Amino acid sequence: MSASLPISQLLKLQTWMSSSFPTGAFTCSHGLESAIADGRIDDQLSTQNWLLAILHHGSGWNDAVLLSQAWHAVHQAQSPIASLQSLNELSLALQAGAERYTETTQLGASFLAAANAWPESQQLNWESIGSELSFPIIVGALGALHKIPLDSLSAATLQSIMSNLTWIASRLIPLGQNQALSIVAKLETDIMTVAANATLATLDDLGSCALLCDLASLQHESLNSRVCHT
C-alpha cells in the first residue's frame, strides 16, 4: 500500500473523482433505478446491500481488476498498446447488456477527454487501442501515465462510483442526507478491501455473480419512466 501520496497526485485524484469529471457526476444507475421502481430497494439497508453486491461480486470487482491490469500493462508490458487492446476487448465483452456497454464506453470517452487537459494523458495513442474504450481501461492506463500509485487509484475510483450510486439512490427512494452519508461511510472498509485485493488479482480472478444487478440493468432498457440514462 502507498505510505504517502504526493500532494500533486492527491490533487489530481481529487479532481478526477470530483464533479469536474464525469466520474463524479454520471447519471448511470447500474440497475438501481429498476430495483427501486419495482420495490426491491426502498431504504438505507437495501441500498447498501445492493451496492455491496456490485462492489464485491459484480462490475465493481471486475472493473477494479481490469483497472489494475491496465495500470500494470503501461508499466510492465513490452507492448503496452497490444496489452491494452486485449484488455479493452475483454472489458467490453464482460458488459452485461447494451446499457452497461454504453455506460462504460461513454464514461471512458468523457473521462479521457477531460484528462487530456494534462499533457501526460497524451503519451499513448488511444485510437490504436480501440474505437471504443471502456472506463476501467482508460482510468488504469491514465493512472499509470500520471504515476499515481495503483492502490490509491483503485480505491479512489471505487469510492467515487459507490458514492455516485448512493446519491442516485438518495434522490430516487428518497434517502435523507445523513442516511446517504452513512452508507458512504460504511462502504469505506469494503472499498479498501476490494481495491487491495484487485491490485494483486490476475485475469483469472475476473468473474461476476451479481445476477440480480445485471438483470435490473437489462430491465432498465425498457423502463417506462427513467431519471438515469442507463
Protein backbone atom coordinates (compact mmCIF):
# COMPACT_ATOMS: atom_id res chain seq x y z
CA MET A 1 0.00 0.00 0.00
CA SER A 2 1.15 3.55 -0.66
CA ALA A 3 2.59 5.00 2.54
CA SER A 4 2.13 8.57 1.35
CA LEU A 5 0.59 10.08 -1.74
CA PRO A 6 2.43 13.16 -3.08
CA ILE A 7 0.35 16.33 -2.93
CA SER A 8 0.39 16.75 -6.73
CA GLN A 9 -1.04 13.24 -7.23
CA LEU A 10 -3.56 13.71 -4.44
CA LEU A 11 -4.84 16.89 -6.07
CA LYS A 12 -5.09 15.13 -9.42
CA LEU A 13 -7.05 12.24 -7.91
CA GLN A 14 -9.41 14.66 -6.17
CA THR A 15 -10.06 16.41 -9.48
CA TRP A 16 -10.55 13.17 -11.39
CA MET A 17 -13.11 11.93 -8.88
CA SER A 18 -14.89 15.25 -8.41
CA SER A 19 -17.93 16.67 -10.21
CA SER A 20 -15.49 18.35 -12.62
CA PHE A 21 -15.03 14.92 -14.20
CA PRO A 22 -17.72 12.53 -15.46
CA THR A 23 -16.81 10.08 -12.68
CA GLY A 24 -18.16 12.50 -10.12
CA ALA A 25 -21.39 13.34 -11.89
CA PHE A 26 -22.53 10.47 -14.08
CA THR A 27 -26.20 9.52 -14.30
CA CYS A 28 -25.93 5.75 -14.71
CA SER A 29 -27.61 3.65 -12.02
CA HIS A 30 -26.21 0.10 -12.51
CA GLY A 31 -29.77 -1.22 -12.29
CA LEU A 32 -30.58 0.76 -9.14
CA GLU A 33 -33.41 2.66 -10.78
CA SER A 34 -35.12 -0.55 -11.93
CA ALA A 35 -34.74 -2.15 -8.49
CA ILE A 36 -36.16 0.96 -6.84
CA ALA A 37 -39.05 1.09 -9.31
CA ASP A 38 -40.14 -2.48 -8.54
CA GLY A 39 -39.65 -2.13 -4.78
CA ARG A 40 -36.57 -4.29 -4.24
CA ILE A 41 -34.66 -1.26 -2.95
CA ASP A 42 -36.64 1.01 -0.66
CA ASP A 43 -34.45 2.05 2.28
CA GLN A 44 -30.90 2.54 3.55
CA LEU A 45 -30.18 -1.14 4.23
CA SER A 46 -31.41 -2.45 0.88
CA THR A 47 -29.43 0.28 -0.92
CA GLN A 48 -26.28 -0.60 1.00
CA ASN A 49 -26.70 -4.34 0.30
CA TRP A 50 -27.21 -3.69 -3.41
CA LEU A 51 -24.03 -1.62 -3.59
CA LEU A 52 -22.07 -4.25 -1.67
CA ALA A 53 -23.14 -6.86 -4.21
CA ILE A 54 -21.90 -4.68 -7.07
CA LEU A 55 -18.66 -3.92 -5.23
CA HIS A 56 -17.72 -7.45 -4.17
CA HIS A 57 -19.41 -9.68 -6.71
CA GLY A 58 -20.31 -7.59 -9.75
CA SER A 59 -18.96 -4.93 -12.06
CA GLY A 60 -17.21 -3.15 -9.18
CA TRP A 61 -14.86 -6.10 -8.69
CA ASN A 62 -14.36 -6.75 -12.40
CA ASP A 63 -13.66 -3.10 -13.15
CA ALA A 64 -11.15 -2.91 -10.29
CA VAL A 65 -9.28 -5.95 -11.64
CA LEU A 66 -9.28 -4.59 -15.20
CA LEU A 67 -8.14 -1.16 -13.97
CA SER A 68 -5.24 -2.87 -12.18
CA GLN A 69 -4.28 -4.86 -15.25
CA ALA A 70 -4.34 -1.74 -17.45
CA TRP A 71 -2.10 0.07 -14.94
CA HIS A 72 0.36 -2.83 -14.99
CA ALA A 73 0.26 -3.01 -18.79
CA VAL A 74 1.53 0.56 -19.11
CA HIS A 75 4.29 -0.03 -16.56
CA GLN A 76 5.40 -3.55 -17.41
CA ALA A 77 4.31 -4.73 -20.84
CA GLN A 78 6.82 -4.74 -23.69
CA SER A 79 3.96 -3.71 -25.95
CA PRO A 80 1.52 -1.63 -23.87
CA ILE A 81 -0.78 -0.89 -26.81
CA ALA A 82 -1.26 -4.57 -27.65
CA SER A 83 -1.87 -5.42 -23.99
CA LEU A 84 -4.37 -2.59 -23.60
CA GLN A 85 -6.14 -3.62 -26.80
CA SER A 86 -6.65 -7.12 -25.43
CA LEU A 87 -7.77 -5.84 -22.03
CA ASN A 88 -10.20 -3.39 -23.60
CA GLU A 89 -11.78 -6.09 -25.75
CA LEU A 90 -12.19 -8.27 -22.67
CA SER A 91 -13.67 -5.42 -20.66
CA LEU A 92 -16.23 -4.65 -23.36
CA ALA A 93 -17.15 -8.33 -23.68
CA LEU A 94 -17.87 -8.52 -19.94
CA GLN A 95 -20.55 -5.80 -20.02
CA ALA A 96 -23.98 -7.12 -19.03
CA GLY A 97 -26.19 -5.71 -21.77
CA ALA A 98 -26.39 -2.76 -24.12
CA GLU A 99 -26.80 -0.09 -21.45
CA ARG A 100 -23.79 -1.23 -19.43
CA TYR A 101 -21.77 -1.28 -22.67
CA THR A 102 -22.90 2.27 -23.45
CA GLU A 103 -22.19 3.36 -19.89
CA THR A 104 -18.59 2.13 -19.81
CA THR A 105 -17.71 3.45 -23.27
CA GLN A 106 -19.34 6.86 -22.84
CA LEU A 107 -17.86 7.28 -19.38
CA GLY A 108 -14.46 6.18 -20.67
CA ALA A 109 -14.55 8.59 -23.60
CA SER A 110 -15.68 11.50 -21.41
CA PHE A 111 -13.04 10.74 -18.79
CA LEU A 112 -10.26 10.61 -21.40
CA ALA A 113 -11.41 13.86 -22.99
CA ALA A 114 -11.34 15.58 -19.60
CA ALA A 115 -7.95 14.11 -18.69
CA ASN A 116 -6.42 15.49 -21.89
CA ALA A 117 -6.10 18.77 -20.01
CA TRP A 118 -2.85 17.23 -18.71
CA PRO A 119 -0.09 16.57 -21.29
CA GLU A 120 0.85 13.23 -19.68
CA SER A 121 -2.51 11.85 -20.80
CA GLN A 122 -1.49 12.16 -24.43
CA GLN A 123 1.54 9.86 -24.18
CA LEU A 124 -0.47 6.90 -25.53
CA ASN A 125 -2.01 6.57 -28.96
CA TRP A 126 -5.50 5.92 -27.64
CA GLU A 127 -7.07 5.43 -31.07
CA SER A 128 -4.80 2.47 -31.70
CA ILE A 129 -6.17 0.74 -28.60
CA GLY A 130 -9.72 0.74 -29.95
CA SER A 131 -12.50 2.85 -31.39
CA GLU A 132 -14.49 2.37 -28.17
CA LEU A 133 -12.65 2.31 -24.85
CA SER A 134 -14.02 1.07 -21.55
CA PHE A 135 -13.86 3.14 -18.40
CA PRO A 136 -11.58 0.93 -16.23
CA ILE A 137 -9.01 0.58 -19.03
CA ILE A 138 -8.90 4.36 -19.50
CA VAL A 139 -8.55 5.08 -15.78
CA GLY A 140 -5.95 2.37 -15.18
CA ALA A 141 -3.78 3.45 -18.10
CA LEU A 142 -4.10 7.15 -17.27
CA GLY A 143 -3.21 6.48 -13.65
CA ALA A 144 -0.04 4.73 -14.77
CA LEU A 145 0.90 7.55 -17.14
CA HIS A 146 0.48 10.03 -14.29
CA LYS A 147 2.43 7.75 -11.90
CA ILE A 148 -0.44 7.52 -9.43
CA PRO A 149 0.02 4.52 -7.11
CA LEU A 150 -2.31 1.70 -8.06
CA ASP A 151 -3.85 1.16 -4.62
CA SER A 152 -4.78 4.84 -4.29
CA LEU A 153 -6.12 4.97 -7.85
CA SER A 154 -8.25 1.86 -7.42
CA ALA A 155 -9.69 2.87 -4.04
CA ALA A 156 -10.49 6.41 -5.17
CA THR A 157 -12.22 5.15 -8.32
CA LEU A 158 -14.35 2.63 -6.43
CA GLN A 159 -15.23 5.20 -3.80
CA SER A 160 -16.34 7.67 -6.45
CA ILE A 161 -18.53 5.09 -8.19
CA MET A 162 -20.13 3.89 -4.96
CA SER A 163 -20.75 7.46 -3.79
CA ASN A 164 -22.43 8.36 -7.07
CA LEU A 165 -24.70 5.34 -6.88
CA THR A 166 -25.56 6.22 -3.29
CA TRP A 167 -26.58 9.75 -4.24
CA ILE A 168 -28.65 8.44 -7.16
CA ALA A 169 -30.49 6.20 -4.70
CA SER A 170 -30.90 9.08 -2.26
CA ARG A 171 -32.82 11.04 -4.90
CA LEU A 172 -34.96 8.17 -6.17
CA ILE A 173 -36.10 6.50 -2.91
CA PRO A 174 -35.52 9.12 -1.39
CA LEU A 175 -32.98 8.87 1.41
CA GLY A 176 -32.03 11.73 3.68
CA GLN A 177 -28.55 13.22 3.52
CA ASN A 178 -27.49 11.59 6.79
CA GLN A 179 -28.67 8.18 5.62
CA ALA A 180 -26.78 8.55 2.34
CA LEU A 181 -23.62 9.64 4.11
CA SER A 182 -23.97 6.70 6.49
CA ILE A 183 -23.95 4.33 3.52
CA VAL A 184 -20.86 6.02 2.07
CA ALA A 185 -19.09 5.76 5.44
CA LYS A 186 -19.99 2.09 5.94
CA LEU A 187 -18.71 1.18 2.46
CA GLU A 188 -15.22 2.55 3.10
CA THR A 189 -13.77 -0.63 4.62
CA ASP A 190 -15.21 -2.78 1.83
CA ILE A 191 -13.86 -0.38 -0.80
CA MET A 192 -10.37 -0.60 0.68
CA THR A 193 -10.58 -4.40 0.80
CA VAL A 194 -11.75 -4.78 -2.79
CA ALA A 195 -9.18 -2.26 -4.06
CA ALA A 196 -6.35 -4.04 -2.23
CA ASN A 197 -7.42 -7.47 -3.47
CA ALA A 198 -7.79 -6.22 -7.04
CA THR A 199 -4.24 -4.87 -7.14
CA LEU A 200 -2.99 -8.42 -6.51
CA ALA A 201 -5.50 -10.17 -8.76
CA THR A 202 -4.97 -11.62 -12.24
CA LEU A 203 -7.38 -12.01 -15.12
CA ASP A 204 -8.16 -15.48 -13.78
CA ASP A 205 -9.85 -13.76 -10.84
CA LEU A 206 -12.42 -11.99 -13.02
CA GLY A 207 -16.00 -13.06 -12.55
CA SER A 208 -19.42 -11.77 -11.58
CA CYS A 209 -22.27 -13.39 -9.69
CA ALA A 210 -24.38 -10.28 -9.07
CA LEU A 211 -27.14 -11.65 -11.27
CA LEU A 212 -29.96 -9.50 -9.89
CA CYS A 213 -27.92 -6.35 -10.53
CA ASP A 214 -27.26 -7.41 -14.12
CA LEU A 215 -30.91 -8.29 -14.70
CA ALA A 216 -32.01 -4.96 -13.25
CA SER A 217 -29.65 -3.20 -15.66
CA LEU A 218 -31.25 -5.09 -18.56
CA GLN A 219 -34.74 -4.23 -17.29
CA HIS A 220 -33.79 -0.57 -17.21
CA GLU A 221 -33.54 -0.60 -21.02
CA SER A 222 -37.35 -0.83 -21.18
CA LEU A 223 -38.27 1.06 -18.01
CA ASN A 224 -41.14 3.44 -18.82
CA SER A 225 -40.17 6.38 -16.61
CA ARG A 226 -36.43 6.92 -16.27
CA VAL A 227 -34.36 9.51 -14.47
CA CYS A 228 -30.99 7.86 -15.21
CA HIS A 229 -29.60 7.41 -18.71
CA THR A 230 -28.54 3.81 -18.12
